[in-house]
Amino acid sequence: MEVIKLRDDFIKLGQALKAAGYVESGVDAKFEIQDGNVLVNGEVEVRRGRKLYDGDIVEFDNQKIKIEK
């Protein structure tokens, strides 16, 4: 499981996918999210601007990202 440490209070979903190296660019993240391929805390999320906070879990392509403060 990839862990992303927050520098601020939150990180946006598209930025988290890119920071974890799961997508090449923000455009790739946008399409993966819009296509319903990303789960946040077990539920499909289609907003790439979704704010992620400490404790959130993102799932994409059988990989997970944990957001930590």
PDB file of N, CA and C in Angstrom:
ATOM      1  N   MET A   1       0.840  -1.179   0.000  1.00  0.00           N
ATOM      2  CA  MET A   1       0.000   0.000   0.000  1.00  0.00           C
ATOM      3  C   MET A   1       0.889   1.248   0.000  1.00  0.00           C
ATOM      4  N   GLU A   2       0.610   2.115  -0.926  1.00  0.00           N
ATOM      5  CA  GLU A   2       1.319   3.396  -1.033  1.00  0.00           C
ATOM      6  C   GLU A   2       0.777   4.339   0.043  1.00  0.00           C
ATOM      7  N   VAL A   3       1.640   5.099   0.672  1.00  0.00           N
ATOM      8  CA  VAL A   3       1.217   6.079   1.673  1.00  0.00           C
ATOM      9  C   VAL A   3       1.601   7.473   1.187  1.00  0.00           C
ATOM     10  N   ILE A   4       0.639   8.378   1.212  1.00  0.00           N
ATOM     11  CA  ILE A   4       0.895   9.772   0.854  1.00  0.00           C
ATOM     12  C   ILE A   4       0.734  10.606   2.110  1.00  0.00           C
ATOM     13  N   LYS A   5       1.791  11.327   2.449  1.00  0.00           N
ATOM     14  CA  LYS A   5       1.764  12.215   3.615  1.00  0.00           C
ATOM     15  C   LYS A   5       1.249  13.581   3.181  1.00  0.00           C
ATOM     16  N   LEU A   6       0.279  14.073   3.899  1.00  0.00           N
ATOM     17  CA  LEU A   6      -0.294  15.381   3.585  1.00  0.00           C
ATOM     18  C   LEU A   6       0.622  16.505   4.042  1.00  0.00           C
ATOM     19  N   ARG A   7       0.821  17.478   3.180  1.00  0.00           N
ATOM     20  CA  ARG A   7       1.547  18.691   3.560  1.00  0.00           C
ATOM     21  C   ARG A   7       0.560  19.758   4.014  1.00  0.00           C
ATOM     22  N   ASP A   8      -0.652  19.688   3.467  1.00  0.00           N
ATOM     23  CA  ASP A   8      -1.727  20.600   3.841  1.00  0.00           C
ATOM     24  C   ASP A   8      -2.824  19.779   4.514  1.00  0.00           C
ATOM     25  N   ASP A   9      -4.024  20.324   4.593  1.00  0.00           N
ATOM     26  CA  ASP A   9      -5.124  19.602   5.224  1.00  0.00           C
ATOM     27  C   ASP A   9      -5.698  18.503   4.330  1.00  0.00           C
ATOM     28  N   PHE A  10      -5.499  18.624   3.005  1.00  0.00           N
ATOM     29  CA  PHE A  10      -6.058  17.647   2.077  1.00  0.00           C
ATOM     30  C   PHE A  10      -5.223  17.596   0.805  1.00  0.00           C
ATOM     31  N   ILE A  11      -5.502  16.564  -0.015  1.00  0.00           N
ATOM     32  CA  ILE A  11      -4.958  16.464  -1.365  1.00  0.00           C
ATOM     33  C   ILE A  11      -6.129  16.061  -2.255  1.00  0.00           C
ATOM     34  N   LYS A  12      -6.137  16.551  -3.470  1.00  0.00           N
ATOM     35  CA  LYS A  12      -7.218  16.194  -4.392  1.00  0.00           C
ATOM     36  C   LYS A  12      -6.945  14.816  -4.992  1.00  0.00           C
ATOM     37  N   LEU A  13      -8.018  14.130  -5.342  1.00  0.00           N
ATOM     38  CA  LEU A  13      -7.935  12.759  -5.829  1.00  0.00           C
ATOM     39  C   LEU A  13      -7.011  12.630  -7.034  1.00  0.00           C
ATOM     40  N   GLY A  14      -7.166  13.481  -8.032  1.00  0.00           N
ATOM     41  CA  GLY A  14      -6.311  13.420  -9.215  1.00  0.00           C
ATOM     42  C   GLY A  14      -4.842  13.593  -8.868  1.00  0.00           C
ATOM     43  N   GLN A  15      -4.561  14.511  -7.941  1.00  0.00           N
ATOM     44  CA  GLN A  15      -3.181  14.744  -7.514  1.00  0.00           C
ATOM     45  C   GLN A  15      -2.617  13.521  -6.789  1.00  0.00           C
ATOM     46  N   ALA A  16      -3.444  12.856  -6.000  1.00  0.00           N
ATOM     47  CA  ALA A  16      -2.994  11.678  -5.256  1.00  0.00           C
ATOM     48  C   ALA A  16      -2.627  10.545  -6.207  1.00  0.00           C
ATOM     49  N   LEU A  17      -3.436  10.315  -7.231  1.00  0.00           N
ATOM     50  CA  LEU A  17      -3.126   9.259  -8.206  1.00  0.00           C
ATOM     51  C   LEU A  17      -1.814   9.553  -8.919  1.00  0.00           C
ATOM     52  N   LYS A  18      -1.604  10.805  -9.257  1.00  0.00           N
ATOM     53  CA  LYS A  18      -0.368  11.198  -9.933  1.00  0.00           C
ATOM     54  C   LYS A  18       0.829  11.089  -8.986  1.00  0.00           C
ATOM     55  N   ALA A  19       0.679  11.552  -7.750  1.00  0.00           N
ATOM     56  CA  ALA A  19       1.769  11.504  -6.769  1.00  0.00           C
ATOM     57  C   ALA A  19       2.196  10.069  -6.466  1.00  0.00           C
ATOM     58  N   ALA A  20       1.245   9.144  -6.506  1.00  0.00           N
ATOM     59  CA  ALA A  20       1.547   7.737  -6.234  1.00  0.00           C
ATOM     60  C   ALA A  20       2.165   7.045  -7.445  1.00  0.00           C
ATOM     61  N   GLY A  21       2.136   7.731  -8.596  1.00  0.00           N
ATOM     62  CA  GLY A  21       2.707   7.150  -9.807  1.00  0.00           C
ATOM     63  C   GLY A  21       1.773   6.199 -10.528  1.00  0.00           C
ATOM     64  N   TYR A  22       0.494   6.227 -10.191  1.00  0.00           N
ATOM     65  CA  TYR A  22      -0.477   5.320 -10.814  1.00  0.00           C
ATOM     66  C   TYR A  22      -0.941   5.813 -12.173  1.00  0.00           C
ATOM     67  N   VAL A  23      -0.804   7.114 -12.430  1.00  0.00           N
ATOM     68  CA  VAL A  23      -1.128   7.694 -13.737  1.00  0.00           C
ATOM     69  C   VAL A  23       0.001   8.630 -14.131  1.00  0.00           C
ATOM     70  N   GLU A  24       0.132   8.855 -15.428  1.00  0.00           N
ATOM     71  CA  GLU A  24       1.206   9.699 -15.951  1.00  0.00           C
ATOM     72  C   GLU A  24       0.925  11.193 -15.789  1.00  0.00           C
ATOM     73  N   SER A  25      -0.360  11.561 -15.931  1.00  0.00           N
ATOM     74  CA  SER A  25      -0.688  12.989 -15.927  1.00  0.00           C
ATOM     75  C   SER A  25      -2.064  13.222 -15.327  1.00  0.00           C
ATOM     76  N   GLY A  26      -2.374  14.487 -15.120  1.00  0.00           N
ATOM     77  CA  GLY A  26      -3.691  14.852 -14.624  1.00  0.00           C
ATOM     78  C   GLY A  26      -4.798  14.461 -15.591  1.00  0.00           C
ATOM     79  N   VAL A  27      -4.500  14.503 -16.881  1.00  0.00           N
ATOM     80  CA  VAL A  27      -5.493  14.111 -17.897  1.00  0.00           C
ATOM     81  C   VAL A  27      -5.802  12.625 -17.773  1.00  0.00           C
ATOM     82  N   ASP A  28      -4.762  11.800 -17.592  1.00  0.00           N
ATOM     83  CA  ASP A  28      -4.975  10.356 -17.403  1.00  0.00           C
ATOM     84  C   ASP A  28      -5.815  10.109 -16.156  1.00  0.00           C
ATOM     85  N   ALA A  29      -5.513  10.834 -15.081  1.00  0.00           N
ATOM     86  CA  ALA A  29      -6.266  10.688 -13.834  1.00  0.00           C
ATOM     87  C   ALA A  29      -7.733  11.047 -14.072  1.00  0.00           C
ATOM     88  N   LYS A  30      -7.955  12.137 -14.804  1.00  0.00           N
ATOM     89  CA  LYS A  30      -9.320  12.591 -15.094  1.00  0.00           C
ATOM     90  C   LYS A  30     -10.130  11.483 -15.772  1.00  0.00           C
ATOM     91  N   PHE A  31      -9.557  10.860 -16.788  1.00  0.00           N
ATOM     92  CA  PHE A  31     -10.286   9.821 -17.518  1.00  0.00           C
ATOM     93  C   PHE A  31     -10.519   8.583 -16.665  1.00  0.00           C
ATOM     94  N   GLU A  32      -9.531   8.156 -15.901  1.00  0.00           N
ATOM     95  CA  GLU A  32      -9.701   6.977 -15.042  1.00  0.00           C
ATOM     96  C   GLU A  32     -10.789   7.224 -14.001  1.00  0.00           C
ATOM     97  N   ILE A  33     -10.801   8.423 -13.434  1.00  0.00           N
ATOM     98  CA  ILE A  33     -11.803   8.764 -12.423  1.00  0.00           C
ATOM     99  C   ILE A  33     -13.189   8.855 -13.054  1.00  0.00           C
ATOM    100  N   GLN A  34     -13.300   9.548 -14.184  1.00  0.00           N
ATOM    101  CA  GLN A  34     -14.592   9.691 -14.863  1.00  0.00           C
ATOM    102  C   GLN A  34     -15.159   8.347 -15.310  1.00  0.00           C
ATOM    103  N   ASP A  35     -14.283   7.398 -15.638  1.00  0.00           N
ATOM    104  CA  ASP A  35     -14.733   6.078 -16.081  1.00  0.00           C
ATOM    105  C   ASP A  35     -15.145   5.176 -14.920  1.00  0.00           C
ATOM    106  N   GLY A  36     -15.039   5.684 -13.684  1.00  0.00           N
ATOM    107  CA  GLY A  36     -15.474   4.918 -12.525  1.00  0.00           C
ATOM    108  C   GLY A  36     -14.480   3.866 -12.069  1.00  0.00           C
ATOM    109  N   ASN A  37     -13.204   4.051 -12.405  1.00  0.00           N
ATOM    110  CA  ASN A  37     -12.172   3.067 -12.062  1.00  0.00           C
ATOM    111  C   ASN A  37     -11.504   3.320 -10.717  1.00  0.00           C
ATOM    112  N   VAL A  38     -11.960   4.332  -9.990  1.00  0.00           N
ATOM    113  CA  VAL A  38     -11.312   4.708  -8.726  1.00  0.00           C
ATOM    114  C   VAL A  38     -12.326   4.645  -7.586  1.00  0.00           C
ATOM    115  N   LEU A  39     -11.918   4.014  -6.489  1.00  0.00           N
ATOM    116  CA  LEU A  39     -12.746   3.946  -5.287  1.00  0.00           C
ATOM    117  C   LEU A  39     -12.112   4.798  -4.193  1.00  0.00           C
ATOM    118  N   VAL A  40     -12.941   5.495  -3.451  1.00  0.00           N
ATOM    119  CA  VAL A  40     -12.485   6.218  -2.258  1.00  0.00           C
ATOM    120  C   VAL A  40     -13.295   5.671  -1.091  1.00  0.00           C
ATOM    121  N   ASN A  41     -12.585   5.109  -0.129  1.00  0.00           N
ATOM    122  CA  ASN A  41     -13.228   4.487   1.042  1.00  0.00           C
ATOM    123  C   ASN A  41     -14.295   3.474   0.622  1.00  0.00           C
ATOM    124  N   GLY A  42     -13.976   2.698  -0.428  1.00  0.00           N
ATOM    125  CA  GLY A  42     -14.851   1.610  -0.863  1.00  0.00           C
ATOM    126  C   GLY A  42     -15.986   1.995  -1.789  1.00  0.00           C
ATOM    127  N   GLU A  43     -16.098   3.266  -2.148  1.00  0.00           N
ATOM    128  CA  GLU A  43     -17.175   3.710  -3.033  1.00  0.00           C
ATOM    129  C   GLU A  43     -16.608   4.364  -4.282  1.00  0.00           C
ATOM    130  N   VAL A  44     -17.260   4.128  -5.422  1.00  0.00           N
ATOM    131  CA  VAL A  44     -16.819   4.717  -6.687  1.00  0.00           C
ATOM    132  C   VAL A  44     -16.884   6.237  -6.573  1.00  0.00           C
ATOM    133  N   GLU A  45     -15.816   6.886  -6.999  1.00  0.00           N
ATOM    134  CA  GLU A  45     -15.752   8.355  -6.980  1.00  0.00           C
ATOM    135  C   GLU A  45     -15.475   8.846  -8.397  1.00  0.00           C
ATOM    136  N   VAL A  46     -16.288   9.788  -8.890  1.00  0.00           N
ATOM    137  CA  VAL A  46     -16.117  10.289 -10.251  1.00  0.00           C
ATOM    138  C   VAL A  46     -15.701  11.755 -10.298  1.00  0.00           C
ATOM    139  N   ARG A  47     -15.395  12.348  -9.150  1.00  0.00           N
ATOM    140  CA  ARG A  47     -14.938  13.745  -9.106  1.00  0.00           C
ATOM    141  C   ARG A  47     -13.436  13.766  -8.854  1.00  0.00           C
ATOM    142  N   ARG A  48     -12.678  14.259  -9.831  1.00  0.00           N
ATOM    143  CA  ARG A  48     -11.224  14.257  -9.627  1.00  0.00           C
ATOM    144  C   ARG A  48     -10.795  15.297  -8.613  1.00  0.00           C
ATOM    145  N   GLY A  49     -11.656  16.277  -8.352  1.00  0.00           N
ATOM    146  CA  GLY A  49     -11.363  17.297  -7.360  1.00  0.00           C
ATOM    147  C   GLY A  49     -11.749  16.896  -5.948  1.00  0.00           C
ATOM    148  N   ARG A  50     -12.209  15.669  -5.777  1.00  0.00           N
ATOM    149  CA  ARG A  50     -12.590  15.178  -4.440  1.00  0.00           C
ATOM    150  C   ARG A  50     -11.423  15.370  -3.479  1.00  0.00           C
ATOM    151  N   LYS A  51     -11.680  16.009  -2.356  1.00  0.00           N
ATOM    152  CA  LYS A  51     -10.632  16.248  -1.375  1.00  0.00           C
ATOM    153  C   LYS A  51     -10.460  15.012  -0.498  1.00  0.00           C
ATOM    154  N   LEU A  52      -9.210  14.601  -0.336  1.00  0.00           N
ATOM    155  CA  LEU A  52      -8.879  13.451   0.489  1.00  0.00           C
ATOM    156  C   LEU A  52      -8.214  13.938   1.766  1.00  0.00           C
ATOM    157  N   TYR A  53      -8.625  13.347   2.870  1.00  0.00           N
ATOM    158  CA  TYR A  53      -8.122  13.747   4.175  1.00  0.00           C
ATOM    159  C   TYR A  53      -7.452  12.565   4.871  1.00  0.00           C
ATOM    160  N   ASP A  54      -6.828  12.843   5.999  1.00  0.00           N
ATOM    161  CA  ASP A  54      -6.164  11.830   6.807  1.00  0.00           C
ATOM    162  C   ASP A  54      -7.089  10.630   7.033  1.00  0.00           C
ATOM    163  N   GLY A  55      -6.595   9.442   6.709  1.00  0.00           N
ATOM    164  CA  GLY A  55      -7.364   8.216   6.925  1.00  0.00           C
ATOM    165  C   GLY A  55      -8.104   7.704   5.706  1.00  0.00           C
ATOM    166  N   ASP A  56      -8.224   8.518   4.656  1.00  0.00           N
ATOM    167  CA  ASP A  56      -8.910   8.067   3.439  1.00  0.00           C
ATOM    168  C   ASP A  56      -8.079   7.001   2.731  1.00  0.00           C
ATOM    169  N   ILE A  57      -8.773   6.054   2.089  1.00  0.00           N
ATOM    170  CA  ILE A  57      -8.136   4.988   1.320  1.00  0.00           C
ATOM    171  C   ILE A  57      -8.638   5.083  -0.118  1.00  0.00           C
ATOM    172  N   VAL A  58      -7.705   5.142  -1.054  1.00  0.00           N
ATOM    173  CA  VAL A  58      -8.029   5.189  -2.482  1.00  0.00           C
ATOM    174  C   VAL A  58      -7.623   3.860  -3.101  1.00  0.00           C
ATOM    175  N   GLU A  59      -8.502   3.284  -3.928  1.00  0.00           N
ATOM    176  CA  GLU A  59      -8.187   2.043  -4.621  1.00  0.00           C
ATOM    177  C   GLU A  59      -8.257   2.280  -6.126  1.00  0.00           C
ATOM    178  N   PHE A  60      -7.231   1.790  -6.818  1.00  0.00           N
ATOM    179  CA  PHE A  60      -7.171   1.922  -8.271  1.00  0.00           C
ATOM    180  C   PHE A  60      -6.347   0.770  -8.823  1.00  0.00           C
ATOM    181  N   ASP A  61      -6.908   0.026  -9.772  1.00  0.00           N
ATOM    182  CA  ASP A  61      -6.171  -1.032 -10.463  1.00  0.00           C
ATOM    183  C   ASP A  61      -5.537  -2.018  -9.468  1.00  0.00           C
ATOM    184  N   ASN A  62      -6.337  -2.469  -8.505  1.00  0.00           N
ATOM    185  CA  ASN A  62      -5.905  -3.420  -7.461  1.00  0.00           C
ATOM    186  C   ASN A  62      -4.742  -2.905  -6.607  1.00  0.00           C
ATOM    187  N   GLN A  63      -4.597  -1.596  -6.515  1.00  0.00           N
ATOM    188  CA  GLN A  63      -3.570  -0.983  -5.671  1.00  0.00           C
ATOM    189  C   GLN A  63      -4.268   0.002  -4.748  1.00  0.00           C
ATOM    190  N   LYS A  64      -3.656   0.247  -3.596  1.00  0.00           N
ATOM    191  CA  LYS A  64      -4.267   1.154  -2.626  1.00  0.00           C
ATOM    192  C   LYS A  64      -3.312   2.279  -2.240  1.00  0.00           C
ATOM    193  N   ILE A  65      -3.911   3.415  -1.952  1.00  0.00           N
ATOM    194  CA  ILE A  65      -3.179   4.576  -1.439  1.00  0.00           C
ATOM    195  C   ILE A  65      -3.841   4.939  -0.110  1.00  0.00           C
ATOM    196  N   LYS A  66      -3.019   5.114   0.919  1.00  0.00           N
ATOM    197  CA  LYS A  66      -3.523   5.577   2.210  1.00  0.00           C
ATOM    198  C   LYS A  66      -3.065   7.015   2.404  1.00  0.00           C
ATOM    199  N   ILE A  67      -3.994   7.859   2.806  1.00  0.00           N
ATOM    200  CA  ILE A  67      -3.678   9.264   3.042  1.00  0.00           C
ATOM    201  C   ILE A  67      -3.413   9.441   4.537  1.00  0.00           C
ATOM    202  N   GLU A  68      -2.260  10.023   4.862  1.00  0.00           N
ATOM    203  CA  GLU A  68      -1.897  10.246   6.256  1.00  0.00           C
ATOM    204  C   GLU A  68      -1.456  11.679   6.474  1.00  0.00           C
ATOM    205  N   LYS A  69      -1.726  12.172   7.681  1.00  0.00           N
ATOM    206  CA  LYS A  69      -1.310  13.529   8.061  1.00  0.00           C
ATOM    207  C   LYS A  69       0.140  13.522   8.471  1.00  0.00           C
TER     208      LYS A  69
END
